[in-house]
Amino acid sequence: MNMALPRPTTAVAPALVAPTTPEAIRDALVGPERAEFERQYREEMTAAAESLNLTGVLAVLAAWREIADMTQRQGGPAHERMLAVVQDLQLGNPVPTISAAQARASITARLAQ
């Protein structure tokens, strides 16, 4: 018995992309972090295709989701500035700093607004 599936009478709307999909995570990342996410994701997908185990893929998504969230909260330009400071620190270059007292005063001023 060959039963054909009924054809929908209305157009099917595309599903919304969840903020936790690999595509959404990649799109939220900036600069070298985007490239590193893509590399790690592809590597784990290749391993998962062989092992049929998605644990590595899910771990990559969870780790990078946190970074994507932070990037979106800070904004892309601010996150890129932070990455530049980290790179300078790793290279031993001087970076601008403020004292703890200056940081507390700045926080107190912002909270008072």
PDB file of N, CA and C in Angstrom:
ATOM      1  N   MET A   1       0.839  -1.172   0.000  1.00  0.00           N
ATOM      2  CA  MET A   1       0.000   0.000   0.000  1.00  0.00           C
ATOM      3  C   MET A   1       0.886   1.237   0.000  1.00  0.00           C
ATOM      4  N   ASN A   2       0.711   2.099  -0.967  1.00  0.00           N
ATOM      5  CA  ASN A   2       1.510   3.300  -1.112  1.00  0.00           C
ATOM      6  C   ASN A   2       0.658   4.504  -0.764  1.00  0.00           C
ATOM      7  N   MET A   3       0.914   5.087   0.413  1.00  0.00           N
ATOM      8  CA  MET A   3       0.116   6.235   0.843  1.00  0.00           C
ATOM      9  C   MET A   3       0.928   7.497   0.670  1.00  0.00           C
ATOM     10  N   ALA A   4       0.425   8.421  -0.070  1.00  0.00           N
ATOM     11  CA  ALA A   4       1.091   9.706  -0.258  1.00  0.00           C
ATOM     12  C   ALA A   4       0.720  10.627   0.889  1.00  0.00           C
ATOM     13  N   LEU A   5       1.680  11.402   1.302  1.00  0.00           N
ATOM     14  CA  LEU A   5       1.414  12.377   2.355  1.00  0.00           C
ATOM     15  C   LEU A   5       0.613  13.527   1.771  1.00  0.00           C
ATOM     16  N   PRO A   6      -0.331  14.057   2.548  1.00  0.00           N
ATOM     17  CA  PRO A   6      -1.100  15.190   2.027  1.00  0.00           C
ATOM     18  C   PRO A   6      -0.205  16.406   1.854  1.00  0.00           C
ATOM     19  N   ARG A   7      -0.469  17.167   0.837  1.00  0.00           N
ATOM     20  CA  ARG A   7       0.297  18.399   0.601  1.00  0.00           C
ATOM     21  C   ARG A   7      -0.323  19.533   1.407  1.00  0.00           C
ATOM     22  N   PRO A   8       0.522  20.349   2.037  1.00  0.00           N
ATOM     23  CA  PRO A   8      -0.038  21.465   2.806  1.00  0.00           C
ATOM     24  C   PRO A   8      -0.706  22.462   1.858  1.00  0.00           C
ATOM     25  N   THR A   9      -1.794  23.027   2.336  1.00  0.00           N
ATOM     26  CA  THR A   9      -2.527  23.985   1.500  1.00  0.00           C
ATOM     27  C   THR A   9      -1.996  25.394   1.674  1.00  0.00           C
ATOM     28  N   THR A  10      -1.240  25.639   2.725  1.00  0.00           N
ATOM     29  CA  THR A  10      -0.660  26.968   2.940  1.00  0.00           C
ATOM     30  C   THR A  10       0.854  26.831   3.004  1.00  0.00           C
ATOM     31  N   ALA A  11       1.517  27.923   2.741  1.00  0.00           N
ATOM     32  CA  ALA A  11       2.982  27.923   2.802  1.00  0.00           C
ATOM     33  C   ALA A  11       3.438  27.727   4.245  1.00  0.00           C
ATOM     34  N   VAL A  12       4.499  26.975   4.422  1.00  0.00           N
ATOM     35  CA  VAL A  12       5.051  26.738   5.742  1.00  0.00           C
ATOM     36  C   VAL A  12       6.067  27.833   6.030  1.00  0.00           C
ATOM     37  N   ALA A  13       5.887  28.511   7.152  1.00  0.00           N
ATOM     38  CA  ALA A  13       6.810  29.582   7.535  1.00  0.00           C
ATOM     39  C   ALA A  13       8.122  28.965   8.002  1.00  0.00           C
ATOM     40  N   PRO A  14       9.245  29.592   7.679  1.00  0.00           N
ATOM     41  CA  PRO A  14      10.523  29.048   8.153  1.00  0.00           C
ATOM     42  C   PRO A  14      10.614  29.147   9.672  1.00  0.00           C
ATOM     43  N   ALA A  15      11.283  28.189  10.265  1.00  0.00           N
ATOM     44  CA  ALA A  15      11.474  28.198  11.711  1.00  0.00           C
ATOM     45  C   ALA A  15      12.412  29.332  12.089  1.00  0.00           C
ATOM     46  N   LEU A  16      12.153  29.924  13.236  1.00  0.00           N
ATOM     47  CA  LEU A  16      13.038  30.966  13.725  1.00  0.00           C
ATOM     48  C   LEU A  16      14.335  30.327  14.198  1.00  0.00           C
ATOM     49  N   VAL A  17      15.429  31.024  14.030  1.00  0.00           N
ATOM     50  CA  VAL A  17      16.720  30.514  14.461  1.00  0.00           C
ATOM     51  C   VAL A  17      16.873  30.809  15.950  1.00  0.00           C
ATOM     52  N   ALA A  18      17.096  29.768  16.720  1.00  0.00           N
ATOM     53  CA  ALA A  18      17.278  29.932  18.165  1.00  0.00           C
ATOM     54  C   ALA A  18      18.633  30.568  18.438  1.00  0.00           C
ATOM     55  N   PRO A  19      18.742  31.342  19.519  1.00  0.00           N
ATOM     56  CA  PRO A  19      20.023  31.991  19.820  1.00  0.00           C
ATOM     57  C   PRO A  19      21.123  31.012  20.203  1.00  0.00           C
ATOM     58  N   THR A  20      20.793  29.741  20.338  1.00  0.00           N
ATOM     59  CA  THR A  20      21.795  28.750  20.727  1.00  0.00           C
ATOM     60  C   THR A  20      22.217  27.861  19.562  1.00  0.00           C
ATOM     61  N   THR A  21      21.792  28.171  18.359  1.00  0.00           N
ATOM     62  CA  THR A  21      22.210  27.372  17.213  1.00  0.00           C
ATOM     63  C   THR A  21      23.655  27.701  16.865  1.00  0.00           C
ATOM     64  N   PRO A  22      24.355  26.797  16.212  1.00  0.00           N
ATOM     65  CA  PRO A  22      25.731  27.093  15.803  1.00  0.00           C
ATOM     66  C   PRO A  22      25.805  28.370  14.951  1.00  0.00           C
ATOM     67  N   GLU A  23      24.839  28.558  14.073  1.00  0.00           N
ATOM     68  CA  GLU A  23      24.838  29.747  13.221  1.00  0.00           C
ATOM     69  C   GLU A  23      24.697  31.024  14.052  1.00  0.00           C
ATOM     70  N   ALA A  24      23.787  31.021  15.023  1.00  0.00           N
ATOM     71  CA  ALA A  24      23.582  32.204  15.858  1.00  0.00           C
ATOM     72  C   ALA A  24      24.814  32.487  16.716  1.00  0.00           C
ATOM     73  N   ILE A  25      25.429  31.434  17.237  1.00  0.00           N
ATOM     74  CA  ILE A  25      26.635  31.610  18.042  1.00  0.00           C
ATOM     75  C   ILE A  25      27.742  32.206  17.183  1.00  0.00           C
ATOM     76  N   ARG A  26      27.966  31.631  16.003  1.00  0.00           N
ATOM     77  CA  ARG A  26      29.004  32.152  15.098  1.00  0.00           C
ATOM     78  C   ARG A  26      28.753  33.612  14.758  1.00  0.00           C
ATOM     79  N   ASP A  27      27.520  33.967  14.458  1.00  0.00           N
ATOM     80  CA  ASP A  27      27.203  35.334  14.053  1.00  0.00           C
ATOM     81  C   ASP A  27      27.400  36.338  15.179  1.00  0.00           C
ATOM     82  N   ALA A  28      27.329  35.886  16.436  1.00  0.00           N
ATOM     83  CA  ALA A  28      27.524  36.783  17.570  1.00  0.00           C
ATOM     84  C   ALA A  28      29.002  37.010  17.886  1.00  0.00           C
ATOM     85  N   LEU A  29      29.861  36.143  17.398  1.00  0.00           N
ATOM     86  CA  LEU A  29      31.298  36.241  17.686  1.00  0.00           C
ATOM     87  C   LEU A  29      31.973  37.235  16.752  1.00  0.00           C
ATOM     88  N   VAL A  30      33.140  37.718  17.162  1.00  0.00           N
ATOM     89  CA  VAL A  30      33.891  38.681  16.353  1.00  0.00           C
ATOM     90  C   VAL A  30      35.314  38.180  16.115  1.00  0.00           C
ATOM     91  N   GLY A  31      35.882  38.655  15.039  1.00  0.00           N
ATOM     92  CA  GLY A  31      37.293  38.458  14.731  1.00  0.00           C
ATOM     93  C   GLY A  31      37.792  37.035  14.839  1.00  0.00           C
ATOM     94  N   PRO A  32      38.933  36.880  15.500  1.00  0.00           N
ATOM     95  CA  PRO A  32      39.561  35.560  15.566  1.00  0.00           C
ATOM     96  C   PRO A  32      38.734  34.554  16.367  1.00  0.00           C
ATOM     97  N   GLU A  33      37.860  35.022  17.248  1.00  0.00           N
ATOM     98  CA  GLU A  33      37.021  34.087  17.998  1.00  0.00           C
ATOM     99  C   GLU A  33      36.040  33.381  17.067  1.00  0.00           C
ATOM    100  N   ARG A  34      35.534  34.093  16.072  1.00  0.00           N
ATOM    101  CA  ARG A  34      34.619  33.466  15.110  1.00  0.00           C
ATOM    102  C   ARG A  34      35.333  32.343  14.362  1.00  0.00           C
ATOM    103  N   ALA A  35      36.544  32.625  13.906  1.00  0.00           N
ATOM    104  CA  ALA A  35      37.312  31.613  13.170  1.00  0.00           C
ATOM    105  C   ALA A  35      37.641  30.418  14.059  1.00  0.00           C
ATOM    106  N   GLU A  36      37.978  30.672  15.310  1.00  0.00           N
ATOM    107  CA  GLU A  36      38.302  29.579  16.232  1.00  0.00           C
ATOM    108  C   GLU A  36      37.069  28.735  16.531  1.00  0.00           C
ATOM    109  N   PHE A  37      35.902  29.365  16.702  1.00  0.00           N
ATOM    110  CA  PHE A  37      34.665  28.609  16.901  1.00  0.00           C
ATOM    111  C   PHE A  37      34.400  27.709  15.708  1.00  0.00           C
ATOM    112  N   GLU A  38      34.504  28.270  14.498  1.00  0.00           N
ATOM    113  CA  GLU A  38      34.246  27.472  13.292  1.00  0.00           C
ATOM    114  C   GLU A  38      35.197  26.283  13.208  1.00  0.00           C
ATOM    115  N   ARG A  39      36.476  26.496  13.537  1.00  0.00           N
ATOM    116  CA  ARG A  39      37.456  25.409  13.497  1.00  0.00           C
ATOM    117  C   ARG A  39      37.098  24.318  14.492  1.00  0.00           C
ATOM    118  N   GLN A  40      36.820  24.708  15.740  1.00  0.00           N
ATOM    119  CA  GLN A  40      36.493  23.725  16.772  1.00  0.00           C
ATOM    120  C   GLN A  40      35.190  22.996  16.454  1.00  0.00           C
ATOM    121  N   TYR A  41      34.209  23.727  15.977  1.00  0.00           N
ATOM    122  CA  TYR A  41      32.917  23.112  15.657  1.00  0.00           C
ATOM    123  C   TYR A  41      33.081  22.081  14.543  1.00  0.00           C
ATOM    124  N   ARG A  42      33.791  22.455  13.479  1.00  0.00           N
ATOM    125  CA  ARG A  42      34.011  21.504  12.377  1.00  0.00           C
ATOM    126  C   ARG A  42      34.772  20.268  12.857  1.00  0.00           C
ATOM    127  N   GLU A  43      35.784  20.481  13.677  1.00  0.00           N
ATOM    128  CA  GLU A  43      36.578  19.371  14.196  1.00  0.00           C
ATOM    129  C   GLU A  43      35.702  18.402  14.996  1.00  0.00           C
ATOM    130  N   GLU A  44      34.857  18.945  15.863  1.00  0.00           N
ATOM    131  CA  GLU A  44      33.993  18.090  16.681  1.00  0.00           C
ATOM    132  C   GLU A  44      32.897  17.439  15.852  1.00  0.00           C
ATOM    133  N   MET A  45      32.394  18.129  14.831  1.00  0.00           N
ATOM    134  CA  MET A  45      31.384  17.521  13.967  1.00  0.00           C
ATOM    135  C   MET A  45      31.979  16.343  13.196  1.00  0.00           C
ATOM    136  N   THR A  46      33.231  16.492  12.749  1.00  0.00           N
ATOM    137  CA  THR A  46      33.900  15.401  12.049  1.00  0.00           C
ATOM    138  C   THR A  46      34.071  14.203  12.977  1.00  0.00           C
ATOM    139  N   ALA A  47      34.506  14.470  14.206  1.00  0.00           N
ATOM    140  CA  ALA A  47      34.672  13.387  15.179  1.00  0.00           C
ATOM    141  C   ALA A  47      33.328  12.739  15.497  1.00  0.00           C
ATOM    142  N   ALA A  48      32.274  13.551  15.606  1.00  0.00           N
ATOM    143  CA  ALA A  48      30.950  13.016  15.923  1.00  0.00           C
ATOM    144  C   ALA A  48      30.410  12.161  14.789  1.00  0.00           C
ATOM    145  N   ALA A  49      30.731  12.510  13.564  1.00  0.00           N
ATOM    146  CA  ALA A  49      30.284  11.710  12.422  1.00  0.00           C
ATOM    147  C   ALA A  49      30.896  10.317  12.471  1.00  0.00           C
ATOM    148  N   GLU A  50      32.114  10.224  12.981  1.00  0.00           N
ATOM    149  CA  GLU A  50      32.782   8.925  13.093  1.00  0.00           C
ATOM    150  C   GLU A  50      32.303   8.135  14.309  1.00  0.00           C
ATOM    151  N   SER A  51      32.158   8.826  15.438  1.00  0.00           N
ATOM    152  CA  SER A  51      31.848   8.126  16.685  1.00  0.00           C
ATOM    153  C   SER A  51      30.356   8.041  16.997  1.00  0.00           C
ATOM    154  N   LEU A  52      29.563   8.851  16.317  1.00  0.00           N
ATOM    155  CA  LEU A  52      28.121   8.982  16.597  1.00  0.00           C
ATOM    156  C   LEU A  52      27.888   9.475  18.020  1.00  0.00           C
ATOM    157  N   ASN A  53      28.819  10.254  18.540  1.00  0.00           N
ATOM    158  CA  ASN A  53      28.742  10.802  19.890  1.00  0.00           C
ATOM    159  C   ASN A  53      28.819  12.324  19.781  1.00  0.00           C
ATOM    160  N   LEU A  54      27.775  13.010  20.224  1.00  0.00           N
ATOM    161  CA  LEU A  54      27.704  14.466  20.102  1.00  0.00           C
ATOM    162  C   LEU A  54      28.254  15.219  21.309  1.00  0.00           C
ATOM    163  N   THR A  55      28.856  14.517  22.251  1.00  0.00           N
ATOM    164  CA  THR A  55      29.339  15.168  23.472  1.00  0.00           C
ATOM    165  C   THR A  55      30.301  16.310  23.172  1.00  0.00           C
ATOM    166  N   GLY A  56      31.256  16.094  22.296  1.00  0.00           N
ATOM    167  CA  GLY A  56      32.218  17.147  21.955  1.00  0.00           C
ATOM    168  C   GLY A  56      31.559  18.332  21.273  1.00  0.00           C
ATOM    169  N   VAL A  57      30.616  18.073  20.392  1.00  0.00           N
ATOM    170  CA  VAL A  57      29.893  19.151  19.701  1.00  0.00           C
ATOM    171  C   VAL A  57      29.138  19.984  20.715  1.00  0.00           C
ATOM    172  N   LEU A  58      28.434  19.321  21.634  1.00  0.00           N
ATOM    173  CA  LEU A  58      27.655  20.037  22.638  1.00  0.00           C
ATOM    174  C   LEU A  58      28.545  20.839  23.578  1.00  0.00           C
ATOM    175  N   ALA A  59      29.717  20.314  23.892  1.00  0.00           N
ATOM    176  CA  ALA A  59      30.658  21.044  24.750  1.00  0.00           C
ATOM    177  C   ALA A  59      31.162  22.308  24.052  1.00  0.00           C
ATOM    178  N   VAL A  60      31.473  22.207  22.764  1.00  0.00           N
ATOM    179  CA  VAL A  60      31.916  23.377  22.001  1.00  0.00           C
ATOM    180  C   VAL A  60      30.811  24.426  21.966  1.00  0.00           C
ATOM    181  N   LEU A  61      29.589  23.990  21.695  1.00  0.00           N
ATOM    182  CA  LEU A  61      28.470  24.941  21.643  1.00  0.00           C
ATOM    183  C   LEU A  61      28.254  25.626  22.990  1.00  0.00           C
ATOM    184  N   ALA A  62      28.333  24.865  24.076  1.00  0.00           N
ATOM    185  CA  ALA A  62      28.121  25.451  25.407  1.00  0.00           C
ATOM    186  C   ALA A  62      29.197  26.475  25.745  1.00  0.00           C
ATOM    187  N   ALA A  63      30.445  26.139  25.473  1.00  0.00           N
ATOM    188  CA  ALA A  63      31.545  27.059  25.789  1.00  0.00           C
ATOM    189  C   ALA A  63      31.456  28.336  24.966  1.00  0.00           C
ATOM    190  N   TRP A  64      31.216  28.182  23.674  1.00  0.00           N
ATOM    191  CA  TRP A  64      31.187  29.359  22.802  1.00  0.00           C
ATOM    192  C   TRP A  64      29.900  30.162  22.967  1.00  0.00           C
ATOM    193  N   ARG A  65      28.824  29.533  23.433  1.00  0.00           N
ATOM    194  CA  ARG A  65      27.587  30.270  23.694  1.00  0.00           C
ATOM    195  C   ARG A  65      27.830  31.322  24.764  1.00  0.00           C
ATOM    196  N   GLU A  66      28.607  30.975  25.782  1.00  0.00           N
ATOM    197  CA  GLU A  66      28.920  31.934  26.845  1.00  0.00           C
ATOM    198  C   GLU A  66      29.707  33.117  26.292  1.00  0.00           C
ATOM    199  N   ILE A  67      30.670  32.845  25.443  1.00  0.00           N
ATOM    200  CA  ILE A  67      31.471  33.922  24.846  1.00  0.00           C
ATOM    201  C   ILE A  67      30.602  34.772  23.925  1.00  0.00           C
ATOM    202  N   ALA A  68      29.716  34.132  23.164  1.00  0.00           N
ATOM    203  CA  ALA A  68      28.809  34.875  22.287  1.00  0.00           C
ATOM    204  C   ALA A  68      27.884  35.777  23.100  1.00  0.00           C
ATOM    205  N   ASP A  69      27.372  35.267  24.220  1.00  0.00           N
ATOM    206  CA  ASP A  69      26.514  36.073  25.083  1.00  0.00           C
ATOM    207  C   ASP A  69      27.268  37.282  25.621  1.00  0.00           C
ATOM    208  N   MET A  70      28.494  37.059  26.089  1.00  0.00           N
ATOM    209  CA  MET A  70      29.303  38.147  26.614  1.00  0.00           C
ATOM    210  C   MET A  70      29.586  39.180  25.525  1.00  0.00           C
ATOM    211  N   THR A  71      29.891  38.709  24.328  1.00  0.00           N
ATOM    212  CA  THR A  71      30.166  39.616  23.213  1.00  0.00           C
ATOM    213  C   THR A  71      28.949  40.475  22.912  1.00  0.00           C
ATOM    214  N   GLN A  72      27.773  39.876  22.905  1.00  0.00           N
ATOM    215  CA  GLN A  72      26.559  40.640  22.620  1.00  0.00           C
ATOM    216  C   GLN A  72      26.246  41.623  23.736  1.00  0.00           C
ATOM    217  N   ARG A  73      26.474  41.236  24.987  1.00  0.00           N
ATOM    218  CA  ARG A  73      26.208  42.156  26.106  1.00  0.00           C
ATOM    219  C   ARG A  73      27.138  43.365  26.049  1.00  0.00           C
ATOM    220  N   GLN A  74      28.412  43.133  25.760  1.00  0.00           N
ATOM    221  CA  GLN A  74      29.397  44.215  25.712  1.00  0.00           C
ATOM    222  C   GLN A  74      29.295  45.016  24.430  1.00  0.00           C
ATOM    223  N   GLY A  75      28.879  44.358  23.369  1.00  0.00           N
ATOM    224  CA  GLY A  75      28.914  44.954  22.042  1.00  0.00           C
ATOM    225  C   GLY A  75      30.199  44.526  21.350  1.00  0.00           C
ATOM    226  N   GLY A  76      30.113  44.320  20.058  1.00  0.00           N
ATOM    227  CA  GLY A  76      31.257  43.844  19.287  1.00  0.00           C
ATOM    228  C   GLY A  76      32.509  44.690  19.434  1.00  0.00           C
ATOM    229  N   PRO A  77      32.405  46.020  19.276  1.00  0.00           N
ATOM    230  CA  PRO A  77      33.614  46.853  19.389  1.00  0.00           C
ATOM    231  C   PRO A  77      34.283  46.765  20.765  1.00  0.00           C
ATOM    232  N   ALA A  78      33.490  46.753  21.833  1.00  0.00           N
ATOM    233  CA  ALA A  78      34.071  46.654  23.180  1.00  0.00           C
ATOM    234  C   ALA A  78      34.751  45.302  23.370  1.00  0.00           C
ATOM    235  N   HIS A  79      34.136  44.249  22.848  1.00  0.00           N
ATOM    236  CA  HIS A  79      34.736  42.920  22.972  1.00  0.00           C
ATOM    237  C   HIS A  79      36.045  42.847  22.178  1.00  0.00           C
ATOM    238  N   GLU A  80      36.070  43.454  21.006  1.00  0.00           N
ATOM    239  CA  GLU A  80      37.313  43.478  20.214  1.00  0.00           C
ATOM    240  C   GLU A  80      38.407  44.256  20.927  1.00  0.00           C
ATOM    241  N   ARG A  81      38.047  45.348  21.621  1.00  0.00           N
ATOM    242  CA  ARG A  81      39.054  46.094  22.400  1.00  0.00           C
ATOM    243  C   ARG A  81      39.597  45.220  23.518  1.00  0.00           C
ATOM    244  N   MET A  82      38.717  44.461  24.177  1.00  0.00           N
ATOM    245  CA  MET A  82      39.155  43.566  25.238  1.00  0.00           C
ATOM    246  C   MET A  82      40.111  42.510  24.684  1.00  0.00           C
ATOM    247  N   LEU A  83      39.785  41.954  23.513  1.00  0.00           N
ATOM    248  CA  LEU A  83      40.676  40.963  22.901  1.00  0.00           C
ATOM    249  C   LEU A  83      42.035  41.570  22.573  1.00  0.00           C
ATOM    250  N   ALA A  84      42.049  42.824  22.134  1.00  0.00           N
ATOM    251  CA  ALA A  84      43.315  43.496  21.825  1.00  0.00           C
ATOM    252  C   ALA A  84      44.150  43.677  23.089  1.00  0.00           C
ATOM    253  N   VAL A  85      43.510  44.016  24.208  1.00  0.00           N
ATOM    254  CA  VAL A  85      44.234  44.164  25.477  1.00  0.00           C
ATOM    255  C   VAL A  85      44.809  42.820  25.904  1.00  0.00           C
ATOM    256  N   VAL A  86      44.028  41.760  25.775  1.00  0.00           N
ATOM    257  CA  VAL A  86      44.514  40.420  26.122  1.00  0.00           C
ATOM    258  C   VAL A  86      45.730  40.066  25.272  1.00  0.00           C
ATOM    259  N   GLN A  87      45.651  40.355  23.981  1.00  0.00           N
ATOM    260  CA  GLN A  87      46.787  40.057  23.104  1.00  0.00           C
ATOM    261  C   GLN A  87      48.017  40.851  23.524  1.00  0.00           C
ATOM    262  N   ASP A  88      47.841  42.131  23.861  1.00  0.00           N
ATOM    263  CA  ASP A  88      48.976  42.933  24.328  1.00  0.00           C
ATOM    264  C   ASP A  88      49.568  42.337  25.601  1.00  0.00           C
ATOM    265  N   LEU A  89      48.714  41.919  26.527  1.00  0.00           N
ATOM    266  CA  LEU A  89      49.210  41.306  27.762  1.00  0.00           C
ATOM    267  C   LEU A  89      50.004  40.038  27.461  1.00  0.00           C
ATOM    268  N   GLN A  90      49.492  39.213  26.553  1.00  0.00           N
ATOM    269  CA  GLN A  90      50.179  37.969  26.207  1.00  0.00           C
ATOM    270  C   GLN A  90      51.528  38.237  25.555  1.00  0.00           C
ATOM    271  N   LEU A  91      51.624  39.342  24.819  1.00  0.00           N
ATOM    272  CA  LEU A  91      52.880  39.692  24.154  1.00  0.00           C
ATOM    273  C   LEU A  91      53.822  40.479  25.054  1.00  0.00           C
ATOM    274  N   GLY A  92      53.353  40.812  26.257  1.00  0.00           N
ATOM    275  CA  GLY A  92      54.185  41.569  27.184  1.00  0.00           C
ATOM    276  C   GLY A  92      54.188  43.060  26.905  1.00  0.00           C
ATOM    277  N   ASN A  93      53.269  43.532  26.096  1.00  0.00           N
ATOM    278  CA  ASN A  93      53.175  44.963  25.800  1.00  0.00           C
ATOM    279  C   ASN A  93      52.474  45.686  26.945  1.00  0.00           C
ATOM    280  N   PRO A  94      52.800  46.959  27.150  1.00  0.00           N
ATOM    281  CA  PRO A  94      52.110  47.717  28.206  1.00  0.00           C
ATOM    282  C   PRO A  94      50.640  47.937  27.822  1.00  0.00           C
ATOM    283  N   VAL A  95      49.798  47.922  28.833  1.00  0.00           N
ATOM    284  CA  VAL A  95      48.370  48.180  28.620  1.00  0.00           C
ATOM    285  C   VAL A  95      47.924  49.258  29.600  1.00  0.00           C
ATOM    286  N   PRO A  96      46.932  50.050  29.203  1.00  0.00           N
ATOM    287  CA  PRO A  96      46.450  51.094  30.121  1.00  0.00           C
ATOM    288  C   PRO A  96      45.762  50.460  31.333  1.00  0.00           C
ATOM    289  N   THR A  97      46.048  50.979  32.494  1.00  0.00           N
ATOM    290  CA  THR A  97      45.434  50.465  33.719  1.00  0.00           C
ATOM    291  C   THR A  97      44.956  51.630  34.572  1.00  0.00           C
ATOM    292  N   ILE A  98      44.076  51.312  35.522  1.00  0.00           N
ATOM    293  CA  ILE A  98      43.656  52.293  36.522  1.00  0.00           C
ATOM    294  C   ILE A  98      43.794  51.630  37.884  1.00  0.00           C
ATOM    295  N   SER A  99      43.882  52.449  38.917  1.00  0.00           N
ATOM    296  CA  SER A  99      44.033  51.901  40.266  1.00  0.00           C
ATOM    297  C   SER A  99      42.687  51.372  40.754  1.00  0.00           C
ATOM    298  N   ALA A 100      42.741  50.579  41.812  1.00  0.00           N
ATOM    299  CA  ALA A 100      41.518  50.048  42.418  1.00  0.00           C
ATOM    300  C   ALA A 100      40.641  51.195  42.917  1.00  0.00           C
ATOM    301  N   ALA A 101      41.267  52.225  43.472  1.00  0.00           N
ATOM    302  CA  ALA A 101      40.497  53.373  43.968  1.00  0.00           C
ATOM    303  C   ALA A 101      39.772  54.075  42.820  1.00  0.00           C
ATOM    304  N   GLN A 102      40.440  54.206  41.671  1.00  0.00           N
ATOM    305  CA  GLN A 102      39.796  54.815  40.509  1.00  0.00           C
ATOM    306  C   GLN A 102      38.635  53.952  40.004  1.00  0.00           C
ATOM    307  N   ALA A 103      38.817  52.639  40.010  1.00  0.00           N
ATOM    308  CA  ALA A 103      37.760  51.740  39.570  1.00  0.00           C
ATOM    309  C   ALA A 103      36.558  51.832  40.500  1.00  0.00           C
ATOM    310  N   ARG A 104      36.799  51.846  41.820  1.00  0.00           N
ATOM    311  CA  ARG A 104      35.688  51.965  42.788  1.00  0.00           C
ATOM    312  C   ARG A 104      34.963  53.295  42.602  1.00  0.00           C
ATOM    313  N   ALA A 105      35.713  54.376  42.404  1.00  0.00           N
ATOM    314  CA  ALA A 105      35.084  55.691  42.212  1.00  0.00           C
ATOM    315  C   ALA A 105      34.230  55.704  40.954  1.00  0.00           C
ATOM    316  N   SER A 106      34.710  55.084  39.891  1.00  0.00           N
ATOM    317  CA  SER A 106      33.954  55.023  38.642  1.00  0.00           C
ATOM    318  C   SER A 106      32.662  54.204  38.818  1.00  0.00           C
ATOM    319  N   ILE A 107      32.765  53.096  39.525  1.00  0.00           N
ATOM    320  CA  ILE A 107      31.575  52.265  39.780  1.00  0.00           C
ATOM    321  C   ILE A 107      30.580  53.022  40.646  1.00  0.00           C
ATOM    322  N   THR A 108      31.069  53.678  41.678  1.00  0.00           N
ATOM    323  CA  THR A 108      30.195  54.451  42.572  1.00  0.00           C
ATOM    324  C   THR A 108      29.485  55.560  41.787  1.00  0.00           C
ATOM    325  N   ALA A 109      30.217  56.229  40.904  1.00  0.00           N
ATOM    326  CA  ALA A 109      29.607  57.300  40.101  1.00  0.00           C
ATOM    327  C   ALA A 109      28.537  56.761  39.175  1.00  0.00           C
ATOM    328  N   ARG A 110      28.782  55.619  38.569  1.00  0.00           N
ATOM    329  CA  ARG A 110      27.782  55.024  37.666  1.00  0.00           C
ATOM    330  C   ARG A 110      26.539  54.584  38.421  1.00  0.00           C
ATOM    331  N   LEU A 111      26.740  54.022  39.619  1.00  0.00           N
ATOM    332  CA  LEU A 111      25.598  53.573  40.407  1.00  0.00           C
ATOM    333  C   LEU A 111      24.761  54.739  40.914  1.00  0.00           C
ATOM    334  N   ALA A 112      25.392  55.892  41.108  1.00  0.00           N
ATOM    335  CA  ALA A 112      24.688  57.070  41.609  1.00  0.00           C
ATOM    336  C   ALA A 112      23.805  57.719  40.539  1.00  0.00           C
ATOM    337  N   GLN A 113      24.023  57.385  39.288  1.00  0.00           N
ATOM    338  CA  GLN A 113      23.242  58.005  38.203  1.00  0.00           C
ATOM    339  C   GLN A 113      21.839  57.513  38.168  1.00  0.00           C
TER     340      GLN A 113
END
